[in-house]
All heavy atoms as atom14 arrays in JSON, in Angstrom:
{
  "sequence": "TRNVVLVHGGFVDGSGWRAVYDLLRADGSHVSIVQNPTLSLDGDATVT",
  "atom14_mask": [
    [1, 1, 1, 1, 1, 1, 1, 0, 0, 0, 0, 0, 0, 0],
    [1, 1, 1, 1, 1, 1, 1, 1, 1, 1, 1, 0, 0, 0],
    [1, 1, 1, 1, 1, 1, 1, 1, 0, 0, 0, 0, 0, 0],
    [1, 1, 1, 1, 1, 1, 1, 0, 0, 0, 0, 0, 0, 0],
    [1, 1, 1, 1, 1, 1, 1, 0, 0, 0, 0, 0, 0, 0],
    [1, 1, 1, 1, 1, 1, 1, 1, 0, 0, 0, 0, 0, 0],
    [1, 1, 1, 1, 1, 1, 1, 0, 0, 0, 0, 0, 0, 0],
    [1, 1, 1, 1, 1, 1, 1, 1, 1, 1, 0, 0, 0, 0],
    [1, 1, 1, 1, 0, 0, 0, 0, 0, 0, 0, 0, 0, 0],
    [1, 1, 1, 1, 0, 0, 0, 0, 0, 0, 0, 0, 0, 0],
    [1, 1, 1, 1, 1, 1, 1, 1, 1, 1, 1, 0, 0, 0],
    [1, 1, 1, 1, 1, 1, 1, 0, 0, 0, 0, 0, 0, 0],
    [1, 1, 1, 1, 1, 1, 1, 1, 0, 0, 0, 0, 0, 0],
    [1, 1, 1, 1, 0, 0, 0, 0, 0, 0, 0, 0, 0, 0],
    [1, 1, 1, 1, 1, 1, 0, 0, 0, 0, 0, 0, 0, 0],
    [1, 1, 1, 1, 0, 0, 0, 0, 0, 0, 0, 0, 0, 0],
    [1, 1, 1, 1, 1, 1, 1, 1, 1, 1, 1, 1, 1, 1],
    [1, 1, 1, 1, 1, 1, 1, 1, 1, 1, 1, 0, 0, 0],
    [1, 1, 1, 1, 1, 0, 0, 0, 0, 0, 0, 0, 0, 0],
    [1, 1, 1, 1, 1, 1, 1, 0, 0, 0, 0, 0, 0, 0],
    [1, 1, 1, 1, 1, 1, 1, 1, 1, 1, 1, 1, 0, 0],
    [1, 1, 1, 1, 1, 1, 1, 1, 0, 0, 0, 0, 0, 0],
    [1, 1, 1, 1, 1, 1, 1, 1, 0, 0, 0, 0, 0, 0],
    [1, 1, 1, 1, 1, 1, 1, 1, 0, 0, 0, 0, 0, 0],
    [1, 1, 1, 1, 1, 1, 1, 1, 1, 1, 1, 0, 0, 0],
    [1, 1, 1, 1, 1, 0, 0, 0, 0, 0, 0, 0, 0, 0],
    [1, 1, 1, 1, 1, 1, 1, 1, 0, 0, 0, 0, 0, 0],
    [1, 1, 1, 1, 0, 0, 0, 0, 0, 0, 0, 0, 0, 0],
    [1, 1, 1, 1, 1, 1, 0, 0, 0, 0, 0, 0, 0, 0],
    [1, 1, 1, 1, 1, 1, 1, 1, 1, 1, 0, 0, 0, 0],
    [1, 1, 1, 1, 1, 1, 1, 0, 0, 0, 0, 0, 0, 0],
    [1, 1, 1, 1, 1, 1, 0, 0, 0, 0, 0, 0, 0, 0],
    [1, 1, 1, 1, 1, 1, 1, 1, 0, 0, 0, 0, 0, 0],
    [1, 1, 1, 1, 1, 1, 1, 0, 0, 0, 0, 0, 0, 0],
    [1, 1, 1, 1, 1, 1, 1, 1, 1, 0, 0, 0, 0, 0],
    [1, 1, 1, 1, 1, 1, 1, 1, 0, 0, 0, 0, 0, 0],
    [1, 1, 1, 1, 1, 1, 1, 0, 0, 0, 0, 0, 0, 0],
    [1, 1, 1, 1, 1, 1, 1, 0, 0, 0, 0, 0, 0, 0],
    [1, 1, 1, 1, 1, 1, 1, 1, 0, 0, 0, 0, 0, 0],
    [1, 1, 1, 1, 1, 1, 0, 0, 0, 0, 0, 0, 0, 0],
    [1, 1, 1, 1, 1, 1, 1, 1, 0, 0, 0, 0, 0, 0],
    [1, 1, 1, 1, 1, 1, 1, 1, 0, 0, 0, 0, 0, 0],
    [1, 1, 1, 1, 0, 0, 0, 0, 0, 0, 0, 0, 0, 0],
    [1, 1, 1, 1, 1, 1, 1, 1, 0, 0, 0, 0, 0, 0],
    [1, 1, 1, 1, 1, 0, 0, 0, 0, 0, 0, 0, 0, 0],
    [1, 1, 1, 1, 1, 1, 1, 0, 0, 0, 0, 0, 0, 0],
    [1, 1, 1, 1, 1, 1, 1, 0, 0, 0, 0, 0, 0, 0],
    [1, 1, 1, 1, 1, 1, 1, 0, 0, 0, 0, 0, 0, 0]
  ],
  "atom14_positions": [
    [[-118.83, 117.23, -8.99], [-117.61, 116.44, -9.02], [-117.75, 115.32, -8.0], [-117.33, 115.43, -6.87], [-116.37, 117.3, -8.71], [-116.37, 118.43, -9.57], [-115.09, 116.51, -8.93], [0.0, 0.0, 0.0], [0.0, 0.0, 0.0], [0.0, 0.0, 0.0], [0.0, 0.0, 0.0], [0.0, 0.0, 0.0], [0.0, 0.0, 0.0], [0.0, 0.0, 0.0]],
    [[-118.38, 114.23, -8.42], [-118.62, 113.12, -7.5], [-117.69, 111.95, -7.76], [-117.72, 110.95, -7.05], [-120.07, 112.66, -7.56], [-120.49, 112.13, -8.92], [-121.95, 111.7, -8.91], [-122.25, 110.95, -10.1], [-122.02, 109.65, -10.27], [-121.49, 108.95, -9.31], [-122.31, 109.05, -11.39], [0.0, 0.0, 0.0], [0.0, 0.0, 0.0], [0.0, 0.0, 0.0]],
    [[-116.87, 112.04, -8.8], [-115.94, 110.97, -9.13], [-114.59, 111.21, -8.48], [-114.07, 112.33, -8.5], [-115.74, 110.89, -10.66], [-117.01, 110.6, -11.39], [-117.78, 109.74, -10.99], [-117.25, 111.32, -12.47], [0.0, 0.0, 0.0], [0.0, 0.0, 0.0], [0.0, 0.0, 0.0], [0.0, 0.0, 0.0], [0.0, 0.0, 0.0], [0.0, 0.0, 0.0]],
    [[-114.01, 110.14, -7.95], [-112.68, 110.2, -7.35], [-111.88, 109.03, -7.89], [-112.37, 107.89, -7.89], [-112.73, 110.12, -5.81], [-111.33, 110.15, -5.21], [-113.6, 111.23, -5.23], [0.0, 0.0, 0.0], [0.0, 0.0, 0.0], [0.0, 0.0, 0.0], [0.0, 0.0, 0.0], [0.0, 0.0, 0.0], [0.0, 0.0, 0.0], [0.0, 0.0, 0.0]],
    [[-110.68, 109.3, -8.37], [-109.76, 108.25, -8.82], [-108.54, 108.29, -7.91], [-107.9, 109.34, -7.77], [-109.37, 108.42, -10.3], [-108.27, 107.45, -10.69], [-110.59, 108.23, -11.19], [0.0, 0.0, 0.0], [0.0, 0.0, 0.0], [0.0, 0.0, 0.0], [0.0, 0.0, 0.0], [0.0, 0.0, 0.0], [0.0, 0.0, 0.0], [0.0, 0.0, 0.0]],
    [[-108.22, 107.15, -7.29], [-107.11, 107.04, -6.35], [-105.95, 106.3, -6.99], [-106.14, 105.25, -7.62], [-107.58, 106.27, -5.1], [-108.81, 106.85, -4.38], [-109.3, 105.87, -3.32], [-108.49, 108.2, -3.78], [0.0, 0.0, 0.0], [0.0, 0.0, 0.0], [0.0, 0.0, 0.0], [0.0, 0.0, 0.0], [0.0, 0.0, 0.0], [0.0, 0.0, 0.0]],
    [[-104.73, 106.84, -6.82], [-103.52, 106.25, -7.41], [-102.53, 105.94, -6.29], [-102.15, 106.83, -5.53], [-102.88, 107.21, -8.44], [-101.64, 106.59, -9.06], [-103.89, 107.59, -9.52], [0.0, 0.0, 0.0], [0.0, 0.0, 0.0], [0.0, 0.0, 0.0], [0.0, 0.0, 0.0], [0.0, 0.0, 0.0], [0.0, 0.0, 0.0], [0.0, 0.0, 0.0]],
    [[-102.1, 104.68, -6.21], [-101.22, 104.24, -5.13], [-99.76, 104.6, -5.39], [-99.38, 105.0, -6.49], [-101.36, 102.73, -4.91], [-100.92, 101.89, -6.07], [-99.61, 101.61, -6.36], [-101.65, 101.26, -7.03], [-99.54, 100.84, -7.43], [-100.76, 100.62, -7.86], [0.0, 0.0, 0.0], [0.0, 0.0, 0.0], [0.0, 0.0, 0.0], [0.0, 0.0, 0.0]],
    [[-98.95, 104.4, -4.36], [-97.52, 104.66, -4.45], [-96.76, 103.5, -5.07], [-97.35, 102.53, -5.54], [0.0, 0.0, 0.0], [0.0, 0.0, 0.0], [0.0, 0.0, 0.0], [0.0, 0.0, 0.0], [0.0, 0.0, 0.0], [0.0, 0.0, 0.0], [0.0, 0.0, 0.0], [0.0, 0.0, 0.0], [0.0, 0.0, 0.0], [0.0, 0.0, 0.0]],
    [[-95.44, 103.61, -5.05], [-94.59, 102.68, -5.77], [-94.36, 101.33, -5.14], [-94.09, 100.37, -5.83], [0.0, 0.0, 0.0], [0.0, 0.0, 0.0], [0.0, 0.0, 0.0], [0.0, 0.0, 0.0], [0.0, 0.0, 0.0], [0.0, 0.0, 0.0], [0.0, 0.0, 0.0], [0.0, 0.0, 0.0], [0.0, 0.0, 0.0], [0.0, 0.0, 0.0]],
    [[-94.45, 101.19, -3.83], [-94.12, 99.92, -3.18], [-95.34, 99.23, -2.6], [-95.23, 98.37, -1.74], [-93.08, 100.16, -2.07], [-91.81, 100.77, -2.61], [-91.49, 102.08, -2.34], [-90.95, 100.03, -3.4], [-90.33, 102.65, -2.83], [-89.79, 100.58, -3.91], [-89.48, 101.9, -3.62], [0.0, 0.0, 0.0], [0.0, 0.0, 0.0], [0.0, 0.0, 0.0]],
    [[-96.52, 99.63, -3.06], [-97.78, 99.07, -2.58], [-98.7, 98.84, -3.77], [-98.31, 99.05, -4.91], [-98.46, 100.01, -1.55], [-97.62, 100.15, -0.31], [-98.72, 101.38, -2.15], [0.0, 0.0, 0.0], [0.0, 0.0, 0.0], [0.0, 0.0, 0.0], [0.0, 0.0, 0.0], [0.0, 0.0, 0.0], [0.0, 0.0, 0.0], [0.0, 0.0, 0.0]],
    [[-99.93, 98.42, -3.51], [-100.9, 98.32, -4.59], [-102.18, 99.05, -4.18], [-102.25, 99.67, -3.12], [-101.16, 96.87, -5.0], [-101.89, 96.06, -3.95], [-102.32, 96.62, -2.93], [-102.05, 94.85, -4.18], [0.0, 0.0, 0.0], [0.0, 0.0, 0.0], [0.0, 0.0, 0.0], [0.0, 0.0, 0.0], [0.0, 0.0, 0.0], [0.0, 0.0, 0.0]],
    [[-103.18, 98.97, -5.02], [-104.41, 99.71, -4.8], [-105.16, 99.36, -3.54], [-105.97, 100.14, -3.05], [0.0, 0.0, 0.0], [0.0, 0.0, 0.0], [0.0, 0.0, 0.0], [0.0, 0.0, 0.0], [0.0, 0.0, 0.0], [0.0, 0.0, 0.0], [0.0, 0.0, 0.0], [0.0, 0.0, 0.0], [0.0, 0.0, 0.0], [0.0, 0.0, 0.0]],
    [[-104.9, 98.17, -2.98], [-105.62, 97.76, -1.78], [-105.34, 98.67, -0.59], [-106.14, 98.74, 0.35], [-105.29, 96.31, -1.42], [-103.94, 96.18, -1.03], [0.0, 0.0, 0.0], [0.0, 0.0, 0.0], [0.0, 0.0, 0.0], [0.0, 0.0, 0.0], [0.0, 0.0, 0.0], [0.0, 0.0, 0.0], [0.0, 0.0, 0.0], [0.0, 0.0, 0.0]],
    [[-104.23, 99.41, -0.63], [-103.91, 100.34, 0.44], [-104.92, 101.48, 0.57], [-104.97, 102.14, 1.6], [0.0, 0.0, 0.0], [0.0, 0.0, 0.0], [0.0, 0.0, 0.0], [0.0, 0.0, 0.0], [0.0, 0.0, 0.0], [0.0, 0.0, 0.0], [0.0, 0.0, 0.0], [0.0, 0.0, 0.0], [0.0, 0.0, 0.0], [0.0, 0.0, 0.0]],
    [[-105.72, 101.7, -0.47], [-106.73, 102.75, -0.45], [-108.07, 102.27, 0.11], [-109.04, 103.02, 0.12], [-106.98, 103.27, -1.87], [-105.93, 104.18, -2.4], [-105.08, 103.93, -3.44], [-105.63, 105.52, -1.98], [-104.28, 105.01, -3.69], [-104.59, 106.01, -2.8], [-106.14, 106.34, -0.98], [-104.07, 107.28, -2.65], [-105.61, 107.61, -0.84], [-104.59, 108.07, -1.67]],
    [[-108.18, 101.03, 0.58], [-109.47, 100.45, 0.96], [-110.26, 101.31, 1.96], [-111.46, 101.54, 1.78], [-109.29, 99.03, 1.52], [-110.58, 98.33, 1.87], [-111.45, 98.24, 0.62], [-112.82, 97.92, 0.95], [-113.49, 96.96, 0.36], [-112.93, 96.23, -0.57], [-114.73, 96.74, 0.69], [0.0, 0.0, 0.0], [0.0, 0.0, 0.0], [0.0, 0.0, 0.0]],
    [[-109.62, 101.76, 3.01], [-110.34, 102.55, 4.02], [-110.86, 103.86, 3.43], [-111.99, 104.28, 3.71], [-109.45, 102.81, 5.23], [0.0, 0.0, 0.0], [0.0, 0.0, 0.0], [0.0, 0.0, 0.0], [0.0, 0.0, 0.0], [0.0, 0.0, 0.0], [0.0, 0.0, 0.0], [0.0, 0.0, 0.0], [0.0, 0.0, 0.0], [0.0, 0.0, 0.0]],
    [[-110.04, 104.51, 2.6], [-110.45, 105.77, 1.95], [-111.6, 105.49, 0.98], [-112.58, 106.23, 0.93], [-109.25, 106.41, 1.23], [-109.68, 107.62, 0.42], [-108.17, 106.79, 2.25], [0.0, 0.0, 0.0], [0.0, 0.0, 0.0], [0.0, 0.0, 0.0], [0.0, 0.0, 0.0], [0.0, 0.0, 0.0], [0.0, 0.0, 0.0], [0.0, 0.0, 0.0]],
    [[-111.47, 104.42, 0.22], [-112.52, 104.01, -0.72], [-113.85, 103.86, 0.03], [-114.87, 104.39, -0.39], [-112.12, 102.69, -1.38], [-113.19, 102.07, -2.25], [-113.27, 102.37, -3.6], [-114.11, 101.17, -1.71], [-114.25, 101.8, -4.4], [-115.09, 100.6, -2.5], [-115.16, 100.92, -3.85], [-116.15, 100.35, -4.63], [0.0, 0.0, 0.0], [0.0, 0.0, 0.0]],
    [[-113.83, 103.12, 1.14], [-115.06, 102.88, 1.9], [-115.67, 104.18, 2.41], [-116.89, 104.37, 2.32], [-114.78, 101.94, 3.08], [-114.48, 100.51, 2.64], [-114.8, 100.13, 1.49], [-113.92, 99.76, 3.47], [0.0, 0.0, 0.0], [0.0, 0.0, 0.0], [0.0, 0.0, 0.0], [0.0, 0.0, 0.0], [0.0, 0.0, 0.0], [0.0, 0.0, 0.0]],
    [[-114.85, 105.1, 2.92], [-115.35, 106.38, 3.41], [-115.97, 107.22, 2.29], [-117.04, 107.81, 2.45], [-114.24, 107.16, 4.1], [-113.76, 106.63, 5.45], [-112.48, 107.34, 5.87], [-114.84, 106.8, 6.5], [0.0, 0.0, 0.0], [0.0, 0.0, 0.0], [0.0, 0.0, 0.0], [0.0, 0.0, 0.0], [0.0, 0.0, 0.0], [0.0, 0.0, 0.0]],
    [[-115.28, 107.29, 1.16], [-115.79, 108.08, 0.04], [-117.07, 107.5, -0.53], [-118.0, 108.23, -0.88], [-114.72, 108.21, -1.05], [-113.52, 109.08, -0.7], [-112.42, 108.92, -1.74], [-113.93, 110.53, -0.56], [0.0, 0.0, 0.0], [0.0, 0.0, 0.0], [0.0, 0.0, 0.0], [0.0, 0.0, 0.0], [0.0, 0.0, 0.0], [0.0, 0.0, 0.0]],
    [[-117.14, 106.18, -0.63], [-118.36, 105.53, -1.13], [-119.53, 105.79, -0.18], [-120.64, 106.06, -0.62], [-118.14, 104.03, -1.29], [-117.19, 103.64, -2.41], [-117.78, 103.8, -3.77], [-118.91, 102.9, -3.89], [-119.88, 103.02, -4.78], [-119.86, 104.01, -5.64], [-120.88, 102.17, -4.81], [0.0, 0.0, 0.0], [0.0, 0.0, 0.0], [0.0, 0.0, 0.0]],
    [[-119.26, 105.72, 1.11], [-120.32, 105.99, 2.1], [-120.82, 107.42, 2.0], [-121.97, 107.7, 2.33], [-119.81, 105.69, 3.51], [0.0, 0.0, 0.0], [0.0, 0.0, 0.0], [0.0, 0.0, 0.0], [0.0, 0.0, 0.0], [0.0, 0.0, 0.0], [0.0, 0.0, 0.0], [0.0, 0.0, 0.0], [0.0, 0.0, 0.0], [0.0, 0.0, 0.0]],
    [[-119.97, 108.31, 1.5], [-120.33, 109.72, 1.34], [-121.01, 109.99, 0.0], [-121.33, 111.12, -0.32], [-119.07, 110.58, 1.49], [-119.37, 112.04, 1.76], [-120.37, 112.33, 2.44], [-118.61, 112.89, 1.28], [0.0, 0.0, 0.0], [0.0, 0.0, 0.0], [0.0, 0.0, 0.0], [0.0, 0.0, 0.0], [0.0, 0.0, 0.0], [0.0, 0.0, 0.0]],
    [[-121.18, 108.95, -0.82], [-121.89, 109.11, -2.08], [-121.02, 109.32, -3.3], [-121.53, 109.57, -4.39], [0.0, 0.0, 0.0], [0.0, 0.0, 0.0], [0.0, 0.0, 0.0], [0.0, 0.0, 0.0], [0.0, 0.0, 0.0], [0.0, 0.0, 0.0], [0.0, 0.0, 0.0], [0.0, 0.0, 0.0], [0.0, 0.0, 0.0], [0.0, 0.0, 0.0]],
    [[-119.72, 109.2, -3.15], [-118.82, 109.39, -4.28], [-118.69, 108.1, -5.1], [-118.81, 107.0, -4.57], [-117.42, 109.8, -3.79], [-117.48, 111.04, -3.14], [0.0, 0.0, 0.0], [0.0, 0.0, 0.0], [0.0, 0.0, 0.0], [0.0, 0.0, 0.0], [0.0, 0.0, 0.0], [0.0, 0.0, 0.0], [0.0, 0.0, 0.0], [0.0, 0.0, 0.0]],
    [[-118.42, 108.26, -6.39], [-118.07, 107.15, -7.26], [-116.55, 107.07, -7.22], [-115.87, 108.05, -7.56], [-118.56, 107.39, -8.68], [-118.08, 106.37, -9.64], [-116.99, 106.57, -10.45], [-118.53, 105.13, -9.91], [-116.78, 105.49, -11.18], [-117.7, 104.6, -10.87], [0.0, 0.0, 0.0], [0.0, 0.0, 0.0], [0.0, 0.0, 0.0], [0.0, 0.0, 0.0]],
    [[-116.0, 105.95, -6.78], [-114.57, 105.84, -6.54], [-113.97, 104.72, -7.38], [-114.5, 103.61, -7.43], [-114.27, 105.56, -5.04], [-112.76, 105.58, -4.8], [-114.97, 106.59, -4.16], [0.0, 0.0, 0.0], [0.0, 0.0, 0.0], [0.0, 0.0, 0.0], [0.0, 0.0, 0.0], [0.0, 0.0, 0.0], [0.0, 0.0, 0.0], [0.0, 0.0, 0.0]],
    [[-112.85, 105.04, -8.04], [-112.08, 104.04, -8.78], [-110.66, 104.05, -8.23], [-110.13, 105.11, -7.87], [-112.03, 104.38, -10.27], [-113.32, 104.39, -10.82], [0.0, 0.0, 0.0], [0.0, 0.0, 0.0], [0.0, 0.0, 0.0], [0.0, 0.0, 0.0], [0.0, 0.0, 0.0], [0.0, 0.0, 0.0], [0.0, 0.0, 0.0], [0.0, 0.0, 0.0]],
    [[-110.06, 102.87, -8.16], [-108.68, 102.74, -7.71], [-107.86, 102.22, -8.87], [-108.17, 101.16, -9.43], [-108.57, 101.8, -6.5], [-109.39, 102.33, -5.32], [-107.11, 101.62, -6.11], [-109.45, 101.41, -4.13], [0.0, 0.0, 0.0], [0.0, 0.0, 0.0], [0.0, 0.0, 0.0], [0.0, 0.0, 0.0], [0.0, 0.0, 0.0], [0.0, 0.0, 0.0]],
    [[-106.83, 102.95, -9.24], [-105.94, 102.54, -10.34], [-104.97, 101.49, -9.81], [-104.35, 101.69, -8.77], [-105.16, 103.76, -10.9], [-104.19, 103.32, -11.98], [-106.12, 104.81, -11.41], [0.0, 0.0, 0.0], [0.0, 0.0, 0.0], [0.0, 0.0, 0.0], [0.0, 0.0, 0.0], [0.0, 0.0, 0.0], [0.0, 0.0, 0.0], [0.0, 0.0, 0.0]],
    [[-104.86, 100.4, -10.51], [-103.9, 99.36, -10.15], [-102.73, 99.49, -11.13], [-102.68, 98.85, -12.17], [-104.54, 97.97, -10.24], [-103.67, 96.86, -9.69], [-103.34, 97.03, -8.21], [-104.15, 97.44, -7.4], [-102.11, 96.74, -7.86], [0.0, 0.0, 0.0], [0.0, 0.0, 0.0], [0.0, 0.0, 0.0], [0.0, 0.0, 0.0], [0.0, 0.0, 0.0]],
    [[-101.79, 100.39, -10.78], [-100.64, 100.63, -11.65], [-99.69, 99.44, -11.67], [-99.43, 98.85, -10.62], [-99.87, 101.86, -11.18], [-100.55, 103.14, -11.57], [-101.14, 103.23, -12.63], [-100.47, 104.13, -10.72], [0.0, 0.0, 0.0], [0.0, 0.0, 0.0], [0.0, 0.0, 0.0], [0.0, 0.0, 0.0], [0.0, 0.0, 0.0], [0.0, 0.0, 0.0]],
    [[-99.11, 99.14, -12.83], [-98.11, 98.08, -12.88], [-96.76, 98.51, -12.29], [-95.94, 97.67, -11.98], [-97.98, 97.78, -14.37], [-98.47, 99.0, -15.07], [-99.47, 99.64, -14.15], [0.0, 0.0, 0.0], [0.0, 0.0, 0.0], [0.0, 0.0, 0.0], [0.0, 0.0, 0.0], [0.0, 0.0, 0.0], [0.0, 0.0, 0.0], [0.0, 0.0, 0.0]],
    [[-96.54, 99.79, -12.12], [-95.31, 100.4, -11.6], [-94.05, 99.92, -12.32], [-93.0, 99.73, -11.71], [-95.15, 100.23, -10.07], [-95.06, 98.85, -9.74], [-96.29, 100.89, -9.32], [0.0, 0.0, 0.0], [0.0, 0.0, 0.0], [0.0, 0.0, 0.0], [0.0, 0.0, 0.0], [0.0, 0.0, 0.0], [0.0, 0.0, 0.0], [0.0, 0.0, 0.0]],
    [[-94.16, 99.76, -13.64], [-93.0, 99.43, -14.45], [-92.33, 100.67, -15.02], [-91.13, 100.69, -15.25], [-93.39, 98.47, -15.58], [-93.93, 97.11, -15.12], [-94.4, 96.3, -16.32], [-92.89, 96.35, -14.33], [0.0, 0.0, 0.0], [0.0, 0.0, 0.0], [0.0, 0.0, 0.0], [0.0, 0.0, 0.0], [0.0, 0.0, 0.0], [0.0, 0.0, 0.0]],
    [[-93.15, 101.71, -15.28], [-92.61, 102.98, -15.77], [-93.63, 104.07, -15.48], [-94.83, 103.8, -15.39], [-92.33, 102.92, -17.27], [-93.54, 102.93, -18.01], [0.0, 0.0, 0.0], [0.0, 0.0, 0.0], [0.0, 0.0, 0.0], [0.0, 0.0, 0.0], [0.0, 0.0, 0.0], [0.0, 0.0, 0.0], [0.0, 0.0, 0.0], [0.0, 0.0, 0.0]],
    [[-93.14, 105.29, -15.35], [-94.04, 106.41, -15.12], [-94.99, 106.58, -16.29], [-96.19, 106.79, -16.1], [-93.24, 107.7, -14.88], [-94.04, 108.97, -14.65], [-94.99, 108.83, -13.46], [-93.1, 110.15, -14.46], [0.0, 0.0, 0.0], [0.0, 0.0, 0.0], [0.0, 0.0, 0.0], [0.0, 0.0, 0.0], [0.0, 0.0, 0.0], [0.0, 0.0, 0.0]],
    [[-94.49, 106.46, -17.51], [-95.36, 106.59, -18.69], [-96.46, 105.54, -18.68], [-97.62, 105.83, -18.98], [-94.54, 106.48, -19.98], [-93.71, 107.72, -20.26], [-94.03, 108.79, -19.71], [-92.74, 107.61, -21.03], [0.0, 0.0, 0.0], [0.0, 0.0, 0.0], [0.0, 0.0, 0.0], [0.0, 0.0, 0.0], [0.0, 0.0, 0.0], [0.0, 0.0, 0.0]],
    [[-96.09, 104.3, -18.36], [-97.08, 103.23, -18.31], [-98.13, 103.45, -17.24], [-99.32, 103.22, -17.46], [0.0, 0.0, 0.0], [0.0, 0.0, 0.0], [0.0, 0.0, 0.0], [0.0, 0.0, 0.0], [0.0, 0.0, 0.0], [0.0, 0.0, 0.0], [0.0, 0.0, 0.0], [0.0, 0.0, 0.0], [0.0, 0.0, 0.0], [0.0, 0.0, 0.0]],
    [[-97.69, 103.92, -16.08], [-98.62, 104.18, -14.99], [-99.54, 105.35, -15.33], [-100.74, 105.31, -15.02], [-97.86, 104.45, -13.7], [-97.11, 103.22, -13.22], [-97.42, 102.1, -13.66], [-96.18, 103.38, -12.39], [0.0, 0.0, 0.0], [0.0, 0.0, 0.0], [0.0, 0.0, 0.0], [0.0, 0.0, 0.0], [0.0, 0.0, 0.0], [0.0, 0.0, 0.0]],
    [[-99.02, 106.37, -15.98], [-99.85, 107.5, -16.4], [-100.86, 107.06, -17.46], [-102.01, 107.5, -17.44], [-98.99, 108.64, -16.93], [0.0, 0.0, 0.0], [0.0, 0.0, 0.0], [0.0, 0.0, 0.0], [0.0, 0.0, 0.0], [0.0, 0.0, 0.0], [0.0, 0.0, 0.0], [0.0, 0.0, 0.0], [0.0, 0.0, 0.0], [0.0, 0.0, 0.0]],
    [[-100.45, 106.16, -18.34], [-101.37, 105.64, -19.37], [-102.52, 104.87, -18.72], [-103.68, 105.07, -19.08], [-100.61, 104.74, -20.37], [-99.65, 105.55, -21.05], [-101.54, 104.09, -21.36], [0.0, 0.0, 0.0], [0.0, 0.0, 0.0], [0.0, 0.0, 0.0], [0.0, 0.0, 0.0], [0.0, 0.0, 0.0], [0.0, 0.0, 0.0], [0.0, 0.0, 0.0]],
    [[-102.21, 104.0, -17.77], [-103.25, 103.24, -17.08], [-104.19, 104.2, -16.34], [-105.41, 104.03, -16.38], [-102.62, 102.2, -16.11], [-103.68, 101.57, -15.22], [-101.87, 101.13, -16.88], [0.0, 0.0, 0.0], [0.0, 0.0, 0.0], [0.0, 0.0, 0.0], [0.0, 0.0, 0.0], [0.0, 0.0, 0.0], [0.0, 0.0, 0.0], [0.0, 0.0, 0.0]],
    [[-103.64, 105.21, -15.71], [-104.45, 106.19, -15.0], [-105.36, 106.95, -15.96], [-106.55, 107.16, -15.68], [-103.54, 107.15, -14.2], [-102.76, 106.38, -13.28], [-104.35, 108.18, -13.43], [0.0, 0.0, 0.0], [0.0, 0.0, 0.0], [0.0, 0.0, 0.0], [0.0, 0.0, 0.0], [0.0, 0.0, 0.0], [0.0, 0.0, 0.0], [0.0, 0.0, 0.0]]
  ]
}
């Protein structure tokens, strides 16, 4: 399990995960950050 997908909160965007992304990548993980539109829970779950 080397893949990690990060999902941000409602009042921010994916850039808030930058430090975590860098640490996980340095550890050899494949990391993706979801950029949710935060218009609806269904829409955000679909993007994820």
